[in-house]
Amino acid sequence: MSTSKSANVTQEEIQAWLTEIRDLKNTVSALRSSLEQANIDKEKSVQEAVAASSAEIAQLKATAAALRDVLEQARIDRDKDVQAAVVAANQEIVQLRAATAALRDTLELARQDKERSVQTATRMAYDEIQQLKATVATLRDTLELERQDKARSVQTATRMAHDEIQQLKATVATLRDTLEAADAGVLA
C-alpha cells in the first residue's frame, strides 16, 4: 500500500515537473519571439537580449538538468521500493508456504493418530464383543446345565416323594389291615 502511494506521489511530482518544463519551454519560446521582435526593432537590443537570454537559457538548462536528476532519482527510489515490496512479498510467500507445509504435516499426523485411535477402539470393542459373546455362551450353557440339573432334581424329588407316598400308602394299608384284623379279633 505504501509503495503504491509513493508511486502515485512520484507520478504527481513527475507530472508537475513535466508541466513546469513545458511552461519553461513555452517561456523560452516566448523569449525567443521577443528576441526576434527586438532584433527587428533594434540590433543593439538584440545583443543585450541575447546575452540576457543566454544567461537565462543556461539557468533553464541547469534547472532542466537538475529536474532530470530529481526525476531519475525518483525513478530509482520507486524501483527500489518496488524491489523491496517484491522481496518482502516473496519472503512472506516463503513463510506462508512453510507454515502451510507445517500445518499440512500436523494435520496428516493428527489424521493418522485419529485413524490409529479409531482402529484401536474398534479392535478393543470387537475383542470386548467377542468376550461378551463367549461369556453369554458360557452363561447360557451353565444356565442350561443348571436347568437340566434342576429338572433332574425335581424329577428325582418327585419320584422319591411318589415312592415315599407309595410306601406310606402301603404302610397305611398294612396298618389298616392289621388294625382291622385286630379289631376283628377283639370283636370275635
N, C-alpha and C. Protein backbone atom coordinates (compact mmCIF):
# COMPACT_ATOMS: atom_id res chain seq x y z
N MET A 1 0.82 -1.19 0.00
CA MET A 1 0.00 0.00 0.00
C MET A 1 0.86 1.25 0.00
N SER A 2 1.87 1.31 0.87
CA SER A 2 2.71 2.49 0.93
C SER A 2 3.50 2.65 -0.35
N THR A 3 3.82 1.57 -1.02
CA THR A 3 4.56 1.63 -2.28
C THR A 3 3.68 2.27 -3.34
N SER A 4 2.40 1.90 -3.43
CA SER A 4 1.53 2.48 -4.43
C SER A 4 1.28 3.95 -4.13
N LYS A 5 1.20 4.35 -2.87
CA LYS A 5 1.03 5.76 -2.54
C LYS A 5 2.27 6.53 -2.97
N SER A 6 3.46 6.00 -2.68
CA SER A 6 4.68 6.70 -3.07
C SER A 6 4.80 6.71 -4.58
N ALA A 7 4.30 5.67 -5.27
CA ALA A 7 4.31 5.66 -6.72
C ALA A 7 3.36 6.72 -7.24
N ASN A 8 2.19 6.90 -6.62
CA ASN A 8 1.24 7.94 -7.01
C ASN A 8 1.83 9.31 -6.76
N VAL A 9 2.46 9.51 -5.62
CA VAL A 9 3.08 10.78 -5.31
C VAL A 9 4.18 11.06 -6.32
N THR A 10 4.95 10.06 -6.65
CA THR A 10 6.03 10.20 -7.61
C THR A 10 5.46 10.57 -8.98
N GLN A 11 4.38 9.95 -9.38
CA GLN A 11 3.74 10.27 -10.65
C GLN A 11 3.24 11.71 -10.64
N GLU A 12 2.69 12.14 -9.53
CA GLU A 12 2.20 13.52 -9.43
C GLU A 12 3.37 14.50 -9.52
N GLU A 13 4.46 14.16 -8.85
CA GLU A 13 5.64 15.02 -8.92
C GLU A 13 6.18 15.06 -10.34
N ILE A 14 6.22 13.94 -10.98
CA ILE A 14 6.70 13.88 -12.36
C ILE A 14 5.81 14.75 -13.25
N GLN A 15 4.51 14.64 -13.07
CA GLN A 15 3.56 15.43 -13.87
C GLN A 15 3.79 16.92 -13.64
N ALA A 16 4.01 17.28 -12.36
CA ALA A 16 4.25 18.70 -12.04
C ALA A 16 5.55 19.17 -12.71
N TRP A 17 6.59 18.33 -12.67
CA TRP A 17 7.87 18.71 -13.29
C TRP A 17 7.73 18.82 -14.80
N LEU A 18 7.01 17.90 -15.39
CA LEU A 18 6.79 17.97 -16.83
C LEU A 18 6.03 19.22 -17.21
N THR A 19 5.04 19.57 -16.41
CA THR A 19 4.27 20.81 -16.66
C THR A 19 5.19 22.02 -16.54
N GLU A 20 6.04 22.00 -15.51
CA GLU A 20 6.96 23.11 -15.31
C GLU A 20 7.95 23.19 -16.47
N ILE A 21 8.45 22.05 -16.92
CA ILE A 21 9.37 22.03 -18.06
C ILE A 21 8.67 22.58 -19.30
N ARG A 22 7.43 22.15 -19.54
CA ARG A 22 6.66 22.64 -20.69
C ARG A 22 6.47 24.15 -20.58
N ASP A 23 6.13 24.58 -19.34
CA ASP A 23 5.95 26.03 -19.13
C ASP A 23 7.25 26.76 -19.38
N LEU A 24 8.34 26.17 -18.90
CA LEU A 24 9.64 26.80 -19.12
C LEU A 24 9.98 26.84 -20.61
N LYS A 25 9.67 25.77 -21.31
CA LYS A 25 9.91 25.77 -22.76
C LYS A 25 9.06 26.83 -23.44
N ASN A 26 7.81 26.95 -22.99
CA ASN A 26 6.93 27.98 -23.55
C ASN A 26 7.51 29.37 -23.28
N THR A 27 8.05 29.49 -22.05
CA THR A 27 8.69 30.77 -21.71
C THR A 27 9.88 31.02 -22.62
N VAL A 28 10.70 29.99 -22.84
CA VAL A 28 11.85 30.12 -23.74
C VAL A 28 11.38 30.53 -25.14
N SER A 29 10.32 29.87 -25.59
CA SER A 29 9.79 30.19 -26.92
C SER A 29 9.32 31.64 -26.98
N ALA A 30 8.64 32.08 -25.91
CA ALA A 30 8.17 33.48 -25.87
C ALA A 30 9.35 34.42 -25.86
N LEU A 31 10.40 34.05 -25.11
CA LEU A 31 11.60 34.89 -25.07
C LEU A 31 12.26 34.97 -26.45
N ARG A 32 12.27 33.84 -27.14
CA ARG A 32 12.86 33.85 -28.48
C ARG A 32 12.07 34.77 -29.42
N SER A 33 10.73 34.68 -29.27
CA SER A 33 9.90 35.56 -30.10
C SER A 33 10.19 37.03 -29.78
N SER A 34 10.36 37.30 -28.49
CA SER A 34 10.71 38.67 -28.07
C SER A 34 12.03 39.09 -28.66
N LEU A 35 12.98 38.16 -28.66
CA LEU A 35 14.30 38.46 -29.20
C LEU A 35 14.21 38.77 -30.70
N GLU A 36 13.44 37.96 -31.39
CA GLU A 36 13.31 38.21 -32.83
C GLU A 36 12.64 39.56 -33.10
N GLN A 37 11.61 39.86 -32.29
CA GLN A 37 10.95 41.16 -32.45
C GLN A 37 11.92 42.30 -32.12
N ALA A 38 12.70 42.07 -31.04
CA ALA A 38 13.68 43.08 -30.64
C ALA A 38 14.75 43.22 -31.72
N ASN A 39 15.10 42.12 -32.40
CA ASN A 39 16.09 42.14 -33.48
C ASN A 39 15.58 42.99 -34.63
N ILE A 40 14.30 42.85 -34.93
CA ILE A 40 13.69 43.65 -35.98
C ILE A 40 13.71 45.12 -35.56
N ASP A 41 13.37 45.32 -34.29
CA ASP A 41 13.28 46.70 -33.79
C ASP A 41 14.66 47.31 -33.60
N LYS A 42 15.50 46.62 -32.89
CA LYS A 42 16.79 47.23 -32.56
C LYS A 42 17.85 46.15 -32.53
N GLU A 43 18.91 46.35 -33.25
CA GLU A 43 20.03 45.41 -33.30
C GLU A 43 20.78 45.43 -32.00
N LYS A 44 20.90 46.54 -31.39
CA LYS A 44 21.63 46.65 -30.15
C LYS A 44 20.89 45.93 -29.03
N SER A 45 19.58 46.13 -29.03
CA SER A 45 18.77 45.47 -28.00
C SER A 45 18.87 43.96 -28.13
N VAL A 46 19.06 43.50 -29.40
CA VAL A 46 19.17 42.06 -29.64
C VAL A 46 20.40 41.52 -28.93
N GLN A 47 21.52 42.22 -29.06
CA GLN A 47 22.75 41.73 -28.43
C GLN A 47 22.60 41.67 -26.92
N GLU A 48 21.99 42.69 -26.33
CA GLU A 48 21.77 42.67 -24.88
C GLU A 48 20.78 41.57 -24.50
N ALA A 49 19.72 41.47 -25.32
CA ALA A 49 18.71 40.44 -25.04
C ALA A 49 19.31 39.05 -25.19
N VAL A 50 20.21 38.89 -26.21
CA VAL A 50 20.87 37.59 -26.43
C VAL A 50 21.73 37.25 -25.22
N ALA A 51 22.47 38.24 -24.73
CA ALA A 51 23.31 37.99 -23.56
C ALA A 51 22.45 37.61 -22.36
N ALA A 52 21.36 38.37 -22.15
CA ALA A 52 20.47 38.06 -21.02
C ALA A 52 19.79 36.71 -21.23
N SER A 53 19.40 36.50 -22.50
CA SER A 53 18.72 35.24 -22.81
C SER A 53 19.66 34.06 -22.63
N SER A 54 20.92 34.22 -23.02
CA SER A 54 21.89 33.14 -22.87
C SER A 54 22.07 32.78 -21.40
N ALA A 55 22.11 33.79 -20.54
CA ALA A 55 22.23 33.50 -19.10
C ALA A 55 21.00 32.77 -18.60
N GLU A 56 19.82 33.19 -19.08
CA GLU A 56 18.59 32.54 -18.64
C GLU A 56 18.50 31.13 -19.19
N ILE A 57 18.95 30.96 -20.44
CA ILE A 57 18.94 29.62 -21.03
C ILE A 57 19.87 28.69 -20.26
N ALA A 58 21.03 29.20 -19.89
CA ALA A 58 21.96 28.39 -19.10
C ALA A 58 21.31 28.00 -17.78
N GLN A 59 20.62 28.99 -17.21
CA GLN A 59 19.94 28.70 -15.94
C GLN A 59 18.83 27.67 -16.16
N LEU A 60 18.07 27.83 -17.26
CA LEU A 60 17.00 26.86 -17.57
C LEU A 60 17.58 25.48 -17.83
N LYS A 61 18.71 25.44 -18.53
CA LYS A 61 19.36 24.14 -18.78
C LYS A 61 19.81 23.51 -17.47
N ALA A 62 20.35 24.35 -16.60
CA ALA A 62 20.77 23.82 -15.29
C ALA A 62 19.54 23.33 -14.53
N THR A 63 18.45 24.12 -14.60
CA THR A 63 17.21 23.70 -13.93
C THR A 63 16.68 22.41 -14.54
N ALA A 64 16.70 22.34 -15.88
CA ALA A 64 16.21 21.12 -16.56
C ALA A 64 17.08 19.93 -16.18
N ALA A 65 18.41 20.15 -16.13
CA ALA A 65 19.31 19.05 -15.75
C ALA A 65 19.04 18.62 -14.30
N ALA A 66 18.82 19.63 -13.43
CA ALA A 66 18.52 19.30 -12.04
C ALA A 66 17.20 18.53 -11.95
N LEU A 67 16.20 18.99 -12.73
CA LEU A 67 14.91 18.28 -12.72
C LEU A 67 15.06 16.87 -13.27
N ARG A 68 15.90 16.70 -14.31
CA ARG A 68 16.15 15.36 -14.83
C ARG A 68 16.78 14.47 -13.76
N ASP A 69 17.73 15.05 -13.02
CA ASP A 69 18.38 14.28 -11.95
C ASP A 69 17.37 13.88 -10.87
N VAL A 70 16.52 14.85 -10.49
CA VAL A 70 15.48 14.56 -9.48
C VAL A 70 14.54 13.48 -10.00
N LEU A 71 14.14 13.61 -11.28
CA LEU A 71 13.25 12.62 -11.89
C LEU A 71 13.90 11.24 -11.92
N GLU A 72 15.18 11.20 -12.28
CA GLU A 72 15.89 9.92 -12.32
C GLU A 72 16.01 9.33 -10.92
N GLN A 73 16.30 10.19 -9.94
CA GLN A 73 16.38 9.71 -8.55
C GLN A 73 15.03 9.18 -8.07
N ALA A 74 13.95 9.88 -8.46
CA ALA A 74 12.60 9.42 -8.09
C ALA A 74 12.31 8.05 -8.71
N ARG A 75 12.72 7.88 -9.99
CA ARG A 75 12.53 6.58 -10.64
C ARG A 75 13.34 5.50 -9.94
N ILE A 76 14.59 5.82 -9.58
CA ILE A 76 15.44 4.86 -8.86
C ILE A 76 14.82 4.50 -7.51
N ASP A 77 14.32 5.54 -6.78
CA ASP A 77 13.67 5.28 -5.48
C ASP A 77 12.43 4.42 -5.65
N ARG A 78 11.64 4.71 -6.68
CA ARG A 78 10.43 3.91 -6.93
C ARG A 78 10.80 2.46 -7.24
N ASP A 79 11.85 2.29 -8.08
CA ASP A 79 12.30 0.93 -8.40
C ASP A 79 12.77 0.20 -7.15
N LYS A 80 13.49 0.93 -6.29
CA LYS A 80 13.95 0.31 -5.04
C LYS A 80 12.75 -0.09 -4.17
N ASP A 81 11.75 0.80 -4.09
CA ASP A 81 10.54 0.48 -3.31
C ASP A 81 9.82 -0.74 -3.87
N VAL A 82 9.73 -0.79 -5.21
CA VAL A 82 9.07 -1.94 -5.85
C VAL A 82 9.86 -3.21 -5.56
N GLN A 83 11.19 -3.14 -5.68
CA GLN A 83 12.02 -4.32 -5.41
C GLN A 83 11.90 -4.74 -3.95
N ALA A 84 11.87 -3.76 -3.04
CA ALA A 84 11.72 -4.09 -1.61
C ALA A 84 10.36 -4.75 -1.37
N ALA A 85 9.32 -4.23 -2.03
CA ALA A 85 7.99 -4.83 -1.87
C ALA A 85 7.97 -6.25 -2.42
N VAL A 86 8.64 -6.47 -3.56
CA VAL A 86 8.69 -7.82 -4.16
C VAL A 86 9.45 -8.77 -3.24
N VAL A 87 10.57 -8.29 -2.68
CA VAL A 87 11.35 -9.14 -1.76
C VAL A 87 10.51 -9.48 -0.53
N ALA A 88 9.84 -8.45 0.03
CA ALA A 88 9.00 -8.70 1.22
C ALA A 88 7.88 -9.67 0.90
N ALA A 89 7.25 -9.50 -0.28
CA ALA A 89 6.16 -10.40 -0.68
C ALA A 89 6.70 -11.82 -0.86
N ASN A 90 7.88 -11.94 -1.48
CA ASN A 90 8.47 -13.29 -1.68
C ASN A 90 8.81 -13.93 -0.34
N GLN A 91 9.34 -13.13 0.59
CA GLN A 91 9.64 -13.68 1.92
C GLN A 91 8.35 -14.14 2.61
N GLU A 92 7.30 -13.33 2.48
CA GLU A 92 6.03 -13.72 3.10
C GLU A 92 5.47 -14.98 2.46
N ILE A 93 5.61 -15.08 1.13
CA ILE A 93 5.15 -16.29 0.42
C ILE A 93 5.91 -17.51 0.92
N VAL A 94 7.24 -17.36 1.07
CA VAL A 94 8.05 -18.49 1.57
C VAL A 94 7.60 -18.88 2.97
N GLN A 95 7.36 -17.86 3.83
CA GLN A 95 6.92 -18.16 5.20
C GLN A 95 5.55 -18.83 5.19
N LEU A 96 4.64 -18.33 4.34
CA LEU A 96 3.30 -18.92 4.27
C LEU A 96 3.37 -20.35 3.74
N ARG A 97 4.23 -20.58 2.76
CA ARG A 97 4.38 -21.94 2.24
C ARG A 97 4.92 -22.87 3.33
N ALA A 98 5.89 -22.37 4.09
CA ALA A 98 6.45 -23.19 5.18
C ALA A 98 5.38 -23.46 6.23
N ALA A 99 4.61 -22.42 6.56
CA ALA A 99 3.53 -22.61 7.55
C ALA A 99 2.48 -23.59 7.02
N THR A 100 2.17 -23.47 5.73
CA THR A 100 1.19 -24.38 5.12
C THR A 100 1.71 -25.82 5.17
N ALA A 101 2.98 -26.00 4.84
CA ALA A 101 3.57 -27.35 4.87
C ALA A 101 3.56 -27.91 6.29
N ALA A 102 3.90 -27.05 7.27
CA ALA A 102 3.90 -27.50 8.67
C ALA A 102 2.48 -27.87 9.11
N LEU A 103 1.51 -27.03 8.74
CA LEU A 103 0.12 -27.35 9.10
C LEU A 103 -0.36 -28.61 8.40
N ARG A 104 0.05 -28.79 7.15
CA ARG A 104 -0.34 -30.00 6.42
C ARG A 104 0.24 -31.24 7.11
N ASP A 105 1.53 -31.14 7.53
CA ASP A 105 2.16 -32.26 8.23
C ASP A 105 1.46 -32.53 9.55
N THR A 106 1.15 -31.46 10.29
CA THR A 106 0.44 -31.62 11.57
C THR A 106 -0.92 -32.25 11.35
N LEU A 107 -1.62 -31.80 10.32
CA LEU A 107 -2.94 -32.35 10.01
C LEU A 107 -2.83 -33.83 9.65
N GLU A 108 -1.80 -34.18 8.87
CA GLU A 108 -1.62 -35.59 8.49
C GLU A 108 -1.32 -36.45 9.72
N LEU A 109 -0.46 -35.92 10.61
CA LEU A 109 -0.17 -36.66 11.85
C LEU A 109 -1.43 -36.83 12.69
N ALA A 110 -2.22 -35.76 12.78
CA ALA A 110 -3.47 -35.84 13.55
C ALA A 110 -4.42 -36.86 12.92
N ARG A 111 -4.49 -36.86 11.58
CA ARG A 111 -5.35 -37.82 10.89
C ARG A 111 -4.89 -39.25 11.16
N GLN A 112 -3.55 -39.46 11.11
CA GLN A 112 -3.02 -40.79 11.37
C GLN A 112 -3.28 -41.21 12.82
N ASP A 113 -3.09 -40.27 13.76
CA ASP A 113 -3.37 -40.57 15.17
C ASP A 113 -4.84 -40.94 15.35
N LYS A 114 -5.72 -40.16 14.71
CA LYS A 114 -7.15 -40.42 14.82
C LYS A 114 -7.47 -41.79 14.24
N GLU A 115 -6.87 -42.09 13.08
CA GLU A 115 -7.12 -43.38 12.44
C GLU A 115 -6.65 -44.53 13.34
N ARG A 116 -5.46 -44.35 13.93
CA ARG A 116 -4.96 -45.38 14.86
C ARG A 116 -5.89 -45.52 16.06
N SER A 117 -6.36 -44.38 16.58
CA SER A 117 -7.26 -44.42 17.74
C SER A 117 -8.56 -45.13 17.39
N VAL A 118 -9.09 -44.82 16.19
CA VAL A 118 -10.33 -45.47 15.76
C VAL A 118 -10.09 -46.97 15.59
N GLN A 119 -8.96 -47.35 14.99
CA GLN A 119 -8.67 -48.77 14.81
C GLN A 119 -8.51 -49.47 16.16
N THR A 120 -7.81 -48.80 17.09
CA THR A 120 -7.62 -49.38 18.42
C THR A 120 -8.97 -49.54 19.12
N ALA A 121 -9.79 -48.49 19.06
CA ALA A 121 -11.10 -48.54 19.71
C ALA A 121 -11.97 -49.62 19.07
N THR A 122 -11.91 -49.73 17.73
CA THR A 122 -12.69 -50.75 17.03
C THR A 122 -12.22 -52.14 17.43
N ARG A 123 -10.89 -52.32 17.48
CA ARG A 123 -10.35 -53.63 17.86
C ARG A 123 -10.74 -53.97 19.30
N MET A 124 -10.62 -52.97 20.20
CA MET A 124 -10.98 -53.22 21.60
C MET A 124 -12.47 -53.55 21.73
N ALA A 125 -13.31 -52.81 20.97
CA ALA A 125 -14.75 -53.07 21.01
C ALA A 125 -15.04 -54.47 20.46
N TYR A 126 -14.36 -54.84 19.38
CA TYR A 126 -14.55 -56.17 18.80
C TYR A 126 -14.14 -57.24 19.80
N ASP A 127 -12.96 -57.04 20.43
CA ASP A 127 -12.50 -58.01 21.43
C ASP A 127 -13.49 -58.12 22.58
N GLU A 128 -13.98 -56.97 23.03
CA GLU A 128 -14.95 -56.99 24.15
C GLU A 128 -16.23 -57.70 23.73
N ILE A 129 -16.66 -57.44 22.48
CA ILE A 129 -17.87 -58.12 21.99
C ILE A 129 -17.66 -59.62 21.94
N GLN A 130 -16.47 -60.04 21.47
CA GLN A 130 -16.19 -61.47 21.42
C GLN A 130 -16.17 -62.08 22.82
N GLN A 131 -15.57 -61.34 23.77
CA GLN A 131 -15.55 -61.82 25.16
C GLN A 131 -16.97 -61.92 25.72
N LEU A 132 -17.77 -60.88 25.43
CA LEU A 132 -19.15 -60.90 25.92
C LEU A 132 -19.94 -62.04 25.28
N LYS A 133 -19.71 -62.27 23.99
CA LYS A 133 -20.40 -63.39 23.32
C LYS A 133 -20.00 -64.71 23.97
N ALA A 134 -18.68 -64.84 24.24
CA ALA A 134 -18.21 -66.07 24.89
C ALA A 134 -18.82 -66.20 26.28
N THR A 135 -18.88 -65.08 27.01
CA THR A 135 -19.47 -65.10 28.36
C THR A 135 -20.94 -65.48 28.28
N VAL A 136 -21.66 -64.88 27.29
CA VAL A 136 -23.08 -65.20 27.13
C VAL A 136 -23.25 -66.68 26.81
N ALA A 137 -22.40 -67.19 25.91
CA ALA A 137 -22.50 -68.61 25.55
C ALA A 137 -22.22 -69.49 26.77
N THR A 138 -21.20 -69.10 27.54
CA THR A 138 -20.87 -69.87 28.75
C THR A 138 -22.02 -69.81 29.74
N LEU A 139 -22.56 -68.60 29.95
CA LEU A 139 -23.69 -68.45 30.88
C LEU A 139 -24.91 -69.22 30.39
N ARG A 140 -25.14 -69.20 29.07
CA ARG A 140 -26.27 -69.94 28.51
C ARG A 140 -26.10 -71.43 28.76
N ASP A 141 -24.84 -71.93 28.52
CA ASP A 141 -24.57 -73.35 28.75
C ASP A 141 -24.74 -73.69 30.23
N THR A 142 -24.18 -72.80 31.09
CA THR A 142 -24.29 -73.03 32.54
C THR A 142 -25.75 -73.02 32.96
N LEU A 143 -26.51 -72.07 32.45
CA LEU A 143 -27.94 -71.97 32.78
C LEU A 143 -28.68 -73.22 32.30
N GLU A 144 -28.34 -73.69 31.10
CA GLU A 144 -28.99 -74.88 30.57
C GLU A 144 -28.65 -76.09 31.44
N LEU A 145 -27.36 -76.19 31.86
CA LEU A 145 -26.96 -77.30 32.73
C LEU A 145 -27.70 -77.22 34.06
N GLU A 146 -27.77 -76.00 34.62
CA GLU A 146 -28.48 -75.85 35.90
C GLU A 146 -29.96 -76.16 35.73
N ARG A 147 -30.55 -75.75 34.61
CA ARG A 147 -31.97 -76.05 34.37
C ARG A 147 -32.17 -77.57 34.26
N GLN A 148 -31.22 -78.21 33.55
CA GLN A 148 -31.33 -79.66 33.43
C GLN A 148 -31.13 -80.33 34.79
N ASP A 149 -30.14 -79.82 35.58
CA ASP A 149 -29.91 -80.36 36.93
C ASP A 149 -31.15 -80.16 37.79
N LYS A 150 -31.76 -78.96 37.67
CA LYS A 150 -32.96 -78.67 38.47
C LYS A 150 -34.10 -79.60 38.05
N ALA A 151 -34.23 -79.79 36.72
CA ALA A 151 -35.28 -80.68 36.23
C ALA A 151 -35.04 -82.10 36.74
N ARG A 152 -33.78 -82.55 36.71
CA ARG A 152 -33.47 -83.89 37.23
C ARG A 152 -33.76 -83.94 38.73
N SER A 153 -33.34 -82.85 39.44
CA SER A 153 -33.57 -82.82 40.88
C SER A 153 -35.06 -82.86 41.18
N VAL A 154 -35.84 -82.09 40.39
CA VAL A 154 -37.31 -82.09 40.58
C VAL A 154 -37.86 -83.48 40.28
N GLN A 155 -37.38 -84.10 39.20
CA GLN A 155 -37.86 -85.44 38.86
C GLN A 155 -37.49 -86.44 39.95
N THR A 156 -36.22 -86.29 40.42
CA THR A 156 -35.77 -87.19 41.48
C THR A 156 -36.60 -86.99 42.73
N ALA A 157 -36.80 -85.70 43.11
CA ALA A 157 -37.58 -85.39 44.31
C ALA A 157 -39.01 -85.87 44.12
N THR A 158 -39.56 -85.68 42.91
CA THR A 158 -40.93 -86.14 42.65
C THR A 158 -41.01 -87.65 42.73
N ARG A 159 -40.05 -88.36 42.16
CA ARG A 159 -40.03 -89.81 42.20
C ARG A 159 -39.88 -90.30 43.63
N MET A 160 -38.96 -89.65 44.38
CA MET A 160 -38.75 -90.06 45.77
C MET A 160 -40.01 -89.80 46.59
N ALA A 161 -40.65 -88.63 46.32
CA ALA A 161 -41.89 -88.32 47.05
C ALA A 161 -42.96 -89.33 46.67
N HIS A 162 -43.01 -89.65 45.38
CA HIS A 162 -44.01 -90.62 44.93
C HIS A 162 -43.74 -91.99 45.57
N ASP A 163 -42.44 -92.40 45.59
CA ASP A 163 -42.08 -93.67 46.21
C ASP A 163 -42.44 -93.65 47.69
N GLU A 164 -42.13 -92.51 48.34
CA GLU A 164 -42.42 -92.41 49.78
C GLU A 164 -43.93 -92.46 50.01
N ILE A 165 -44.67 -91.77 49.10
CA ILE A 165 -46.15 -91.81 49.23
C ILE A 165 -46.64 -93.24 49.05
N GLN A 166 -46.06 -93.93 48.08
CA GLN A 166 -46.48 -95.31 47.85
C GLN A 166 -46.14 -96.18 49.07
N GLN A 167 -44.93 -95.95 49.64
CA GLN A 167 -44.56 -96.70 50.84
C GLN A 167 -45.51 -96.37 51.99
N LEU A 168 -45.80 -95.05 52.10
CA LEU A 168 -46.71 -94.65 53.18
C LEU A 168 -48.10 -95.24 52.97
N LYS A 169 -48.55 -95.27 51.72
CA LYS A 169 -49.86 -95.86 51.43
C LYS A 169 -49.84 -97.36 51.77
N ALA A 170 -48.71 -98.02 51.38
CA ALA A 170 -48.59 -99.45 51.68
C ALA A 170 -48.57 -99.66 53.19
N THR A 171 -47.83 -98.75 53.90
CA THR A 171 -47.75 -98.86 55.35
C THR A 171 -49.13 -98.62 55.95
N VAL A 172 -49.83 -97.59 55.42
CA VAL A 172 -51.18 -97.28 55.91
C VAL A 172 -52.09 -98.47 55.65
N ALA A 173 -52.00 -99.05 54.45
CA ALA A 173 -52.86 -100.20 54.13
C ALA A 173 -52.53 -101.37 55.05
N THR A 174 -51.23 -101.58 55.30
CA THR A 174 -50.82 -102.67 56.18
C THR A 174 -51.33 -102.39 57.58
N LEU A 175 -51.15 -101.15 58.02
CA LEU A 175 -51.61 -100.81 59.37
C LEU A 175 -53.12 -100.91 59.45
N ARG A 176 -53.84 -100.56 58.43
CA ARG A 176 -55.29 -100.65 58.41
C ARG A 176 -55.70 -102.13 58.49
N ASP A 177 -55.00 -102.93 57.65
CA ASP A 177 -55.32 -104.36 57.67
C ASP A 177 -55.02 -104.92 59.06
N THR A 178 -53.90 -104.54 59.62
CA THR A 178 -53.53 -105.03 60.94
C THR A 178 -54.54 -104.55 61.95
N LEU A 179 -54.94 -103.29 61.85
CA LEU A 179 -55.91 -102.72 62.78
C LEU A 179 -57.25 -103.39 62.62
N GLU A 180 -57.64 -103.60 61.39
CA GLU A 180 -58.91 -104.24 61.14
C GLU A 180 -58.88 -105.70 61.65
N ALA A 181 -57.74 -106.37 61.45
CA ALA A 181 -57.63 -107.76 61.94
C ALA A 181 -57.64 -107.76 63.47
N ALA A 182 -57.00 -106.75 64.04
CA ALA A 182 -57.00 -106.66 65.47
C ALA A 182 -58.39 -106.35 65.98
N ASP A 183 -59.08 -105.48 65.29
CA ASP A 183 -60.44 -105.14 65.68
C ASP A 183 -61.35 -106.36 65.47
N ALA A 184 -61.16 -107.11 64.44
CA ALA A 184 -61.97 -108.29 64.18
C ALA A 184 -61.66 -109.35 65.21
N GLY A 185 -60.43 -109.50 65.67
CA GLY A 185 -60.08 -110.47 66.69
C GLY A 185 -60.59 -110.05 68.05
N VAL A 186 -60.69 -108.80 68.30
CA VAL A 186 -61.19 -108.28 69.55
C VAL A 186 -62.71 -108.46 69.55
N LEU A 187 -63.33 -108.30 68.50
CA LEU A 187 -64.77 -108.42 68.39
C LEU A 187 -65.14 -109.91 68.41
N ALA A 188 -64.35 -110.74 68.00
CA ALA A 188 -64.71 -112.12 67.92
C ALA A 188 -64.42 -112.80 69.20
